[in-house]
Amino acid sequence: MKNVDKGFELIYFNLSHRRKFIRTIWITVFGLIFVPLISCILRDVKTPIFSVFTWLIIFELLIIVVGAIQAIYEYRKWQAETENQE
């Protein structure tokens, strides 16, 4: 099955590398906005180890690192794919 580069595709693994790159950027930005919103709701909750603010920092760093690595990987695969087509 050929990867989808146009139109709507719900399943991530069916996308082309270009579309995976774009979706990775969107999901990373969405995650960076969504985690602080949850933190505002749960700001007074204490966990046995860390406060919610500490978990927020850990999750934000994790989202940034994983999102950046995945975006770089998909960008390189996309560029290699376009070079092979030419």
Protein backbone atom coordinates (compact mmCIF):
# COMPACT_ATOMS: atom_id res chain seq x y z
CA MET A 1 0.00 0.00 0.00
CA LYS A 2 1.33 3.40 -0.96
CA ASN A 3 1.58 6.02 1.77
CA VAL A 4 -1.03 8.77 1.69
CA ASP A 5 0.23 12.27 0.86
CA LYS A 6 -3.08 13.99 0.10
CA GLY A 7 -6.47 13.98 1.74
CA PHE A 8 -7.44 12.80 5.20
CA GLU A 9 -5.75 9.81 6.82
CA LEU A 10 -6.43 8.96 10.45
CA ILE A 11 -3.76 6.29 10.87
CA TYR A 12 -0.27 7.73 11.36
CA PHE A 13 1.57 4.79 9.83
CA ASN A 14 -0.26 5.14 6.51
CA LEU A 15 1.07 8.68 5.98
CA SER A 16 4.01 9.71 3.82
CA HIS A 17 7.11 11.02 5.59
CA ARG A 18 6.17 14.59 4.67
CA ARG A 19 2.76 14.23 6.30
CA LYS A 20 4.29 12.44 9.32
CA PHE A 21 6.64 15.39 9.75
CA ILE A 22 3.76 17.86 9.65
CA ARG A 23 1.66 15.81 12.09
CA THR A 24 4.63 15.50 14.45
CA ILE A 25 5.02 19.27 14.54
CA TRP A 26 1.29 19.76 15.23
CA ILE A 27 1.16 17.13 17.97
CA THR A 28 4.28 18.53 19.65
CA VAL A 29 2.83 22.05 19.70
CA PHE A 30 -0.53 20.72 20.92
CA GLY A 31 1.23 18.79 23.71
CA LEU A 32 3.17 21.87 24.80
CA ILE A 33 -0.11 23.77 25.14
CA PHE A 34 -2.20 20.93 26.62
CA VAL A 35 0.12 19.90 29.50
CA PRO A 36 0.15 23.34 31.18
CA LEU A 37 -3.65 23.48 30.95
CA ILE A 38 -3.89 20.22 32.86
CA SER A 39 -1.36 21.58 35.33
CA CYS A 40 -3.57 24.61 36.02
CA ILE A 41 -6.46 22.31 36.85
CA LEU A 42 -4.34 20.11 39.12
CA ARG A 43 -2.08 22.81 40.64
CA ASP A 44 -2.91 22.03 44.29
CA VAL A 45 -2.54 18.26 44.01
CA LYS A 46 0.55 16.81 45.69
CA THR A 47 2.04 13.47 44.76
CA PRO A 48 4.25 11.47 47.14
CA ILE A 49 7.42 12.32 45.20
CA PHE A 50 7.01 15.60 43.32
CA SER A 51 4.58 18.46 43.03
CA VAL A 52 2.48 18.81 39.90
CA PHE A 53 4.70 21.69 38.77
CA THR A 54 7.74 19.39 38.80
CA TRP A 55 5.84 16.79 36.77
CA LEU A 56 4.86 19.56 34.35
CA ILE A 57 8.52 20.44 33.77
CA ILE A 58 9.42 16.77 33.29
CA PHE A 59 6.58 16.18 30.79
CA GLU A 60 7.30 19.40 28.89
CA LEU A 61 10.97 18.46 28.51
CA LEU A 62 9.99 14.96 27.43
CA ILE A 63 7.57 16.31 24.82
CA ILE A 64 10.20 18.72 23.47
CA VAL A 65 12.96 16.11 23.27
CA VAL A 66 10.86 13.31 21.77
CA GLY A 67 9.06 15.68 19.40
CA ALA A 68 12.33 17.18 18.17
CA ILE A 69 13.96 13.77 17.62
CA GLN A 70 10.93 12.45 15.76
CA ALA A 71 10.63 15.62 13.65
CA ILE A 72 14.31 15.46 12.67
CA TYR A 73 13.98 11.78 11.78
CA GLU A 74 10.87 12.31 9.64
CA TYR A 75 12.40 15.35 7.94
CA ARG A 76 15.50 13.35 6.96
CA LYS A 77 13.38 10.45 5.68
CA TRP A 78 11.24 12.91 3.70
CA GLN A 79 14.33 14.50 2.12
CA ALA A 80 15.79 11.08 1.28
CA GLU A 81 12.45 10.07 -0.25
CA THR A 82 12.36 13.18 -2.46
CA GLU A 83 15.97 12.64 -3.59
CA ASN A 84 15.18 9.06 -4.60
CA GLN A 85 12.20 10.18 -6.69
CA GLU A 86 14.25 12.64 -8.73
